[in-house]
Amino acid sequence: MKIAFYGSSLLSSYWNGAATYYRGILKALASHGYDITFYEPDAFDRQQHRDIDPPDWARSIVYPATEQGLRAVLAEAGAADIVVKANGVGVFDRELLEGVMAQSRPDALRIYWDVDAAATLEEMRRDSSHPVLRALPDLDMVLTYGGGPPVVDAYTGFGAAQCEPVYNALDPDTHHPAPPDPRFTADLALLANRLPDREARIEEFFLRPAAQLDGQRFLLGGNGWDDKAVPANVRSLGHVGTGDHNAFNCTPRAVLNVARDSMADVGFSPATRVFEAAGAAACLITDAWEGIELFLTPGEEVLVARDGQDVADHLEALTEKRAREIGAAALDRVRRGHTYALRGEQVHRIFQNHRQRAREAA
């Protein structure tokens, strides 16, 4: 079956935190025999910061971020058996969704894949003309990056025929333990782009403990932090490509995850970084959110912090030996229960079940 997938970028993680999620899911689906084409716009300098070459498990089409480029790739939707519009492409999002609905075949499976469902749902509550809200009656299903029961209930309440969370996971071929790299030496490291709906939480969970623990070393990776005032013991790296993620996670004594506001509020939304860090056997400290125990056991496979003071307390008590034990336990957990191979099986079953229901209805 042919899949046409319209998303932000498969080839670049630059200002695109969903890249490794797309790669993991689509690589796993390709192993089930799907013929995948990923359409991404040439925008936001992503193509100048590619992390990977075009893979052999998906065809990559980069189109000009123009109306003409948009029309050209939308015309190809009609050849696909499954058409997916992901949120957060960044250019022509409304037109892409409307075009996918108009150009796809009547018998095609039409999916909206939401990698920021909590934020999308809040927009829909405020705007009765939101394009996703208007498209829901004609969409066969919504798949989400996470969100658990609250997101499923909200989407079905808005009229989605079906909503299924497909959580982030680990691709052990991509993220795994690696030798330490002196570039990433630190007591606590955070990899996060600077975003308006996460900055205050990063100030609380990362910069506050850094200011409190002036004898410890803090490392901040990600875009947008150049002009941010930080304590003297915080070193900013800028963008860290996916090729360096394993060393970035393996070198510090601990790494930090900080959820975006909407994901923290809803819960059940582990970021890609959670599984990347666990897959590298890193000792992970995460801000508290509902549902964490579905993925990692607090106190054994992850350390959970309610605020910046908790982060500071964890760091002060954390020995190298204890950090290695937590990292090893996390690695074992995600390799057993949270791989993209398992997520691919889940999505394959969702697609098969839909086809079976369609045949029975016909």
Protein backbone atom coordinates (compact mmCIF):
# COMPACT_ATOMS: atom_id res chain seq x y z
CA MET A 1 0.00 0.00 0.00
CA LYS A 2 1.20 3.49 -0.81
CA ILE A 3 1.43 6.15 1.92
CA ALA A 4 1.69 9.86 1.11
CA PHE A 5 2.88 11.62 4.25
CA TYR A 6 2.91 15.43 4.44
CA GLY A 7 5.04 16.61 7.37
CA SER A 8 7.60 19.13 8.55
CA SER A 9 10.79 17.24 7.73
CA LEU A 10 12.09 13.71 7.61
CA LEU A 11 15.64 14.71 6.70
CA SER A 12 16.32 17.45 9.25
CA SER A 13 15.79 17.87 12.98
CA TYR A 14 16.62 21.59 12.77
CA TRP A 15 13.74 23.40 14.54
CA ASN A 16 11.92 20.10 14.07
CA GLY A 17 11.72 17.96 17.19
CA ALA A 18 9.38 15.48 15.49
CA ALA A 19 12.05 14.29 13.02
CA THR A 20 13.17 11.22 14.95
CA TYR A 21 9.54 10.30 15.64
CA TYR A 22 8.71 10.37 11.93
CA ARG A 23 11.84 8.38 11.12
CA GLY A 24 11.13 5.71 13.72
CA ILE A 25 7.47 5.23 12.82
CA LEU A 26 7.91 5.27 9.05
CA LYS A 27 10.98 3.03 9.06
CA ALA A 28 8.98 0.50 11.09
CA LEU A 29 5.99 0.75 8.73
CA ALA A 30 8.25 0.19 5.73
CA SER A 31 9.23 -3.16 7.25
CA HIS A 32 5.56 -4.16 6.92
CA GLY A 33 5.69 -3.53 3.17
CA TYR A 34 4.31 0.00 2.91
CA ASP A 35 5.58 2.16 0.03
CA ILE A 36 6.14 5.55 1.71
CA THR A 37 6.66 9.01 0.23
CA PHE A 38 7.36 11.88 2.62
CA TYR A 39 6.66 15.42 1.38
CA GLU A 40 8.44 18.27 3.17
CA PRO A 41 8.79 21.97 2.29
CA ASP A 42 12.13 23.67 1.76
CA ALA A 43 11.66 26.04 4.71
CA PHE A 44 13.29 27.34 7.91
CA ASP A 45 16.80 26.38 6.71
CA ARG A 46 16.05 22.75 7.47
CA GLN A 47 17.52 21.51 4.21
CA GLN A 48 20.77 23.33 5.01
CA HIS A 49 20.93 21.41 8.32
CA ARG A 50 20.11 17.86 7.29
CA ASP A 51 20.85 15.10 9.80
CA ILE A 52 20.40 12.18 7.42
CA ASP A 53 20.56 11.42 3.72
CA PRO A 54 17.33 10.31 2.04
CA PRO A 55 16.68 6.84 3.48
CA ASP A 56 16.10 3.64 1.54
CA TRP A 57 12.84 2.94 3.42
CA ALA A 58 10.99 6.06 2.22
CA ARG A 59 11.08 8.33 -0.80
CA SER A 60 11.77 11.94 0.19
CA ILE A 61 10.26 14.78 -1.82
CA VAL A 62 11.42 18.29 -0.89
CA TYR A 63 9.20 20.90 -2.51
CA PRO A 64 9.54 24.69 -2.79
CA ALA A 65 7.62 26.49 -0.05
CA THR A 66 5.49 28.24 -2.67
CA GLU A 67 1.91 27.90 -3.86
CA GLN A 68 3.15 26.24 -7.06
CA GLY A 69 5.25 23.77 -5.06
CA LEU A 70 2.26 23.05 -2.83
CA ARG A 71 -0.03 22.33 -5.78
CA ALA A 72 2.51 19.97 -7.33
CA VAL A 73 2.83 17.73 -4.27
CA LEU A 74 -0.87 17.79 -3.43
CA ALA A 75 -1.61 16.45 -6.89
CA GLU A 76 0.24 13.28 -5.91
CA ALA A 77 -2.12 12.56 -3.01
CA GLY A 78 -4.57 10.92 -5.39
CA ALA A 79 -2.17 8.06 -6.07
CA ALA A 80 -1.90 7.00 -2.41
CA ASP A 81 -3.91 4.41 -0.51
CA ILE A 82 -3.19 6.19 2.79
CA VAL A 83 -2.81 9.96 2.98
CA VAL A 84 -1.41 11.57 6.13
CA LYS A 85 -1.27 15.25 7.01
CA ALA A 86 0.85 15.92 10.09
CA ASN A 87 0.46 19.12 12.05
CA GLY A 88 3.20 21.70 12.44
CA VAL A 89 4.57 21.67 8.88
CA GLY A 90 5.06 25.39 9.35
CA VAL A 91 4.04 26.62 5.91
CA PHE A 92 0.64 26.21 4.20
CA ASP A 93 -0.68 24.04 7.03
CA ARG A 94 -4.31 24.96 6.35
CA GLU A 95 -3.90 24.59 2.59
CA LEU A 96 -2.16 21.25 2.98
CA LEU A 97 -4.97 19.83 5.08
CA GLU A 98 -7.67 21.15 2.77
CA GLY A 99 -5.75 19.95 -0.28
CA VAL A 100 -5.22 16.46 1.11
CA MET A 101 -8.95 16.16 1.72
CA ALA A 102 -9.76 17.39 -1.77
CA GLN A 103 -7.14 15.46 -3.73
CA SER A 104 -7.19 12.03 -2.06
CA ARG A 105 -9.26 9.20 -3.51
CA PRO A 106 -12.67 8.47 -1.95
CA ASP A 107 -11.46 5.02 -0.91
CA ALA A 108 -8.17 6.27 0.59
CA LEU A 109 -7.56 6.18 4.32
CA ARG A 110 -7.27 9.85 5.38
CA ILE A 111 -5.41 10.61 8.58
CA TYR A 112 -4.52 13.69 10.59
CA TRP A 113 -1.38 12.90 12.61
CA ASP A 114 -1.08 15.36 15.47
CA VAL A 115 2.35 15.66 17.12
CA ASP A 116 1.15 18.47 19.41
CA ALA A 117 -2.39 17.39 20.19
CA ALA A 118 -2.86 19.32 23.44
CA ALA A 119 -2.03 22.61 21.72
CA THR A 120 -4.18 21.79 18.67
CA LEU A 121 -7.16 20.96 20.86
CA GLU A 122 -6.80 24.22 22.76
CA GLU A 123 -6.79 26.11 19.45
CA MET A 124 -9.92 24.24 18.40
CA ARG A 125 -11.68 25.20 21.63
CA ARG A 126 -10.98 28.86 20.91
CA ASP A 127 -11.70 28.84 17.16
CA SER A 128 -14.86 27.25 15.77
CA SER A 129 -13.48 27.70 12.23
CA HIS A 130 -10.21 25.86 12.94
CA PRO A 131 -9.21 23.83 9.83
CA VAL A 132 -8.79 20.59 11.78
CA LEU A 133 -12.22 20.99 13.36
CA ARG A 134 -13.73 21.52 9.92
CA ALA A 135 -11.88 18.52 8.47
CA LEU A 136 -12.81 16.02 11.20
CA PRO A 137 -16.09 14.81 9.61
CA ASP A 138 -14.17 13.72 6.50
CA LEU A 139 -11.12 12.28 8.23
CA ASP A 140 -11.06 8.54 8.89
CA MET A 141 -8.96 8.89 12.02
CA VAL A 142 -6.64 11.03 14.11
CA LEU A 143 -3.35 9.60 15.32
CA THR A 144 -1.45 11.50 17.99
CA TYR A 145 2.09 11.72 19.33
CA GLY A 146 0.68 11.11 22.81
CA GLY A 147 -1.85 12.52 25.23
CA GLY A 148 -3.55 9.38 26.50
CA PRO A 149 -7.24 9.30 27.49
CA PRO A 150 -7.62 13.11 27.84
CA VAL A 151 -6.63 13.68 24.21
CA VAL A 152 -8.66 10.73 22.91
CA ASP A 153 -11.76 11.94 24.75
CA ALA A 154 -11.28 15.51 23.51
CA TYR A 155 -10.82 14.52 19.87
CA THR A 156 -13.76 12.13 19.84
CA GLY A 157 -15.79 14.81 21.61
CA PHE A 158 -15.05 17.15 18.71
CA GLY A 159 -16.29 14.50 16.30
CA ALA A 160 -13.25 12.42 15.33
CA ALA A 161 -14.36 9.01 14.08
CA GLN A 162 -11.34 7.42 15.76
CA CYS A 163 -8.40 8.72 17.77
CA GLU A 164 -5.37 6.61 18.73
CA PRO A 165 -2.21 7.72 20.55
CA VAL A 166 0.99 6.39 18.97
CA TYR A 167 3.69 7.24 21.46
CA ASN A 168 7.30 8.11 20.90
CA ALA A 169 9.70 5.21 21.23
CA LEU A 170 13.25 4.01 20.70
CA ASP A 171 15.00 2.98 17.50
CA PRO A 172 17.90 1.01 19.01
CA ASP A 173 19.80 1.21 15.72
CA THR A 174 19.84 5.01 16.02
CA HIS A 175 19.95 5.75 19.75
CA HIS A 176 22.16 3.56 21.90
CA PRO A 177 25.02 3.77 24.42
CA ALA A 178 28.10 5.52 23.04
CA PRO A 179 31.55 6.52 24.34
CA PRO A 180 31.66 9.80 26.32
CA ASP A 181 32.61 12.95 24.40
CA PRO A 182 34.47 15.76 26.23
CA ARG A 183 32.34 18.34 24.36
CA PHE A 184 29.36 17.26 26.41
CA THR A 185 30.94 16.95 29.86
CA ALA A 186 28.47 18.19 32.49
CA ASP A 187 26.62 17.26 35.64
CA LEU A 188 23.26 17.98 34.00
CA ALA A 189 22.51 18.47 30.31
CA LEU A 190 19.33 19.62 28.58
CA LEU A 191 18.56 19.41 24.86
CA ALA A 192 15.59 21.62 23.97
CA ASN A 193 14.83 24.30 21.42
CA ARG A 194 13.71 27.60 22.88
CA LEU A 195 9.92 27.78 22.53
CA PRO A 196 7.48 30.25 24.11
CA ASP A 197 5.39 27.48 25.68
CA ARG A 198 8.35 25.84 27.38
CA GLU A 199 10.75 28.66 28.31
CA ALA A 200 9.29 29.37 31.74
CA ARG A 201 9.47 25.68 32.65
CA ILE A 202 13.10 25.52 31.52
CA GLU A 203 13.85 28.56 33.69
CA GLU A 204 12.34 26.70 36.66
CA PHE A 205 13.67 23.18 36.08
CA PHE A 206 17.09 23.98 34.57
CA LEU A 207 18.25 27.54 35.15
CA ARG A 208 17.00 27.76 38.74
CA PRO A 209 18.94 24.67 39.94
CA ALA A 210 21.95 25.87 37.93
CA ALA A 211 21.93 29.16 39.84
CA GLN A 212 21.55 27.27 43.11
CA LEU A 213 24.34 24.72 42.42
CA ASP A 214 27.11 27.01 41.26
CA GLY A 215 29.72 24.30 41.79
CA GLN A 216 28.13 21.99 39.22
CA ARG A 217 28.28 22.16 35.43
CA PHE A 218 25.17 22.58 33.27
CA LEU A 219 24.98 22.11 29.50
CA LEU A 220 22.21 23.56 27.29
CA GLY A 221 21.77 22.35 23.71
CA GLY A 222 19.18 23.51 21.18
CA ASN A 223 18.26 26.47 19.00
CA GLY A 224 17.30 29.95 20.15
CA TRP A 225 19.25 30.37 23.40
CA ASP A 226 21.98 32.71 22.11
CA ASP A 227 20.60 35.86 23.76
CA LYS A 228 19.23 34.19 26.91
CA ALA A 229 20.83 35.28 30.18
CA VAL A 230 22.05 32.17 32.00
CA PRO A 231 24.14 31.50 35.15
CA ALA A 232 27.91 31.38 34.70
CA ASN A 233 27.98 27.58 35.13
CA VAL A 234 25.65 27.04 32.14
CA ARG A 235 27.31 26.42 28.77
CA SER A 236 25.16 26.85 25.65
CA LEU A 237 25.91 24.75 22.57
CA GLY A 238 23.31 25.76 20.00
CA HIS A 239 21.87 23.14 17.66
CA VAL A 240 22.97 19.57 18.36
CA GLY A 241 22.45 17.27 15.38
CA THR A 242 21.00 13.81 15.82
CA GLY A 243 24.38 12.27 15.05
CA ASP A 244 25.63 13.70 18.36
CA HIS A 245 22.61 12.78 20.48
CA ASN A 246 24.04 9.53 21.81
CA ALA A 247 27.26 11.15 23.03
CA PHE A 248 25.25 14.11 24.38
CA ASN A 249 23.11 11.72 26.43
CA CYS A 250 25.91 9.38 27.53
CA THR A 251 28.52 11.90 28.67
CA PRO A 252 26.84 13.96 31.47
CA ARG A 253 26.07 12.50 34.87
CA ALA A 254 22.38 13.11 34.15
CA VAL A 255 20.18 14.57 31.43
CA LEU A 256 16.97 16.55 31.87
CA ASN A 257 13.62 16.42 30.08
CA VAL A 258 11.27 19.41 30.30
CA ALA A 259 7.83 19.09 28.73
CA ARG A 260 6.06 21.87 26.90
CA ASP A 261 3.25 23.55 28.86
CA SER A 262 0.41 21.81 27.03
CA MET A 263 1.97 18.36 27.25
CA ALA A 264 2.74 18.76 30.93
CA ASP A 265 -0.85 19.84 31.60
CA VAL A 266 -2.41 16.90 29.75
CA GLY A 267 0.17 14.26 30.64
CA PHE A 268 0.70 10.93 28.87
CA SER A 269 3.05 12.71 26.46
CA PRO A 270 6.65 11.51 26.78
CA ALA A 271 8.91 13.56 24.53
CA THR A 272 11.18 11.95 21.96
CA ARG A 273 14.10 12.94 24.21
CA VAL A 274 12.84 10.59 26.95
CA PHE A 275 13.34 7.51 24.79
CA GLU A 276 16.52 8.80 23.17
CA ALA A 277 18.07 9.31 26.61
CA ALA A 278 16.84 5.97 27.96
CA GLY A 279 18.07 4.23 24.82
CA ALA A 280 21.54 5.61 25.48
CA ALA A 281 21.39 4.36 29.10
CA ALA A 282 21.42 7.94 30.38
CA CYS A 283 20.24 8.81 33.87
CA LEU A 284 17.15 10.86 33.09
CA ILE A 285 15.55 13.49 35.31
CA THR A 286 12.13 14.56 34.04
CA ASP A 287 9.60 17.12 35.16
CA ALA A 288 6.51 15.50 36.64
CA TRP A 289 3.55 14.68 34.39
CA GLU A 290 0.68 12.23 34.65
CA GLY A 291 1.33 8.83 33.12
CA ILE A 292 5.13 8.72 33.42
CA GLU A 293 4.92 5.29 35.10
CA LEU A 294 3.46 3.81 31.89
CA PHE A 295 6.86 4.32 30.30
CA LEU A 296 9.49 4.41 33.07
CA THR A 297 9.27 3.59 36.79
CA PRO A 298 9.99 6.67 38.97
CA GLY A 299 12.89 6.19 41.35
CA GLU A 300 14.16 3.10 39.50
CA GLU A 301 14.29 3.94 35.80
CA VAL A 302 13.86 7.72 35.93
CA LEU A 303 14.04 10.52 38.50
CA VAL A 304 10.97 12.76 38.64
CA ALA A 305 11.06 16.41 39.71
CA ARG A 306 8.09 18.55 40.71
CA ASP A 307 10.10 21.77 40.48
CA GLY A 308 13.62 23.16 40.24
CA GLN A 309 14.33 22.42 43.89
CA ASP A 310 13.65 18.73 43.25
CA VAL A 311 16.11 18.82 40.34
CA ALA A 312 18.75 20.36 42.59
CA ASP A 313 18.08 17.78 45.32
CA HIS A 314 18.34 14.91 42.82
CA LEU A 315 21.67 16.21 41.53
CA GLU A 316 23.16 16.69 44.98
CA ALA A 317 22.25 13.12 45.96
CA LEU A 318 23.12 11.48 42.64
CA THR A 319 26.33 9.45 42.59
CA GLU A 320 27.94 8.20 39.39
CA LYS A 321 27.12 4.63 40.44
CA ARG A 322 23.45 5.43 41.06
CA ALA A 323 23.24 7.30 37.76
CA ARG A 324 24.59 4.27 35.89
CA GLU A 325 22.10 1.97 37.62
CA ILE A 326 19.13 4.17 36.68
CA GLY A 327 20.35 4.47 33.10
CA ALA A 328 20.83 0.72 32.72
CA ALA A 329 17.34 0.02 34.09
CA ALA A 330 15.81 2.59 31.71
CA LEU A 331 17.62 1.07 28.73
CA ASP A 332 16.30 -2.39 29.58
CA ARG A 333 12.73 -1.07 29.98
CA VAL A 334 12.53 0.78 26.68
CA ARG A 335 14.21 -1.99 24.70
CA ARG A 336 11.63 -4.46 26.03
CA GLY A 337 8.50 -2.37 25.76
CA HIS A 338 8.95 0.87 23.86
CA THR A 339 10.59 0.42 20.48
CA TYR A 340 9.49 1.80 17.14
CA ALA A 341 9.19 -1.78 15.90
CA LEU A 342 6.36 -2.19 18.42
CA ARG A 343 4.82 1.16 17.45
CA GLY A 344 4.98 0.12 13.79
CA GLU A 345 3.08 -3.06 14.61
CA GLN A 346 0.47 -0.96 16.41
CA VAL A 347 -0.04 1.36 13.43
CA HIS A 348 -0.06 -1.56 10.98
CA ARG A 349 -2.87 -3.16 13.02
CA ILE A 350 -4.79 0.14 13.05
CA PHE A 351 -4.55 0.31 9.24
CA GLN A 352 -5.55 -3.35 8.82
CA ASN A 353 -8.52 -3.01 11.16
CA HIS A 354 -9.75 0.03 9.23
CA ARG A 355 -9.51 -1.86 5.92
CA GLN A 356 -11.43 -4.77 7.41
CA ARG A 357 -14.20 -2.48 8.66
CA ALA A 358 -14.37 -0.78 5.24
CA ARG A 359 -14.70 -4.16 3.49
CA GLU A 360 -17.45 -5.24 5.86
CA ALA A 361 -19.30 -1.96 5.35
CA ALA A 362 -19.05 -2.36 1.55
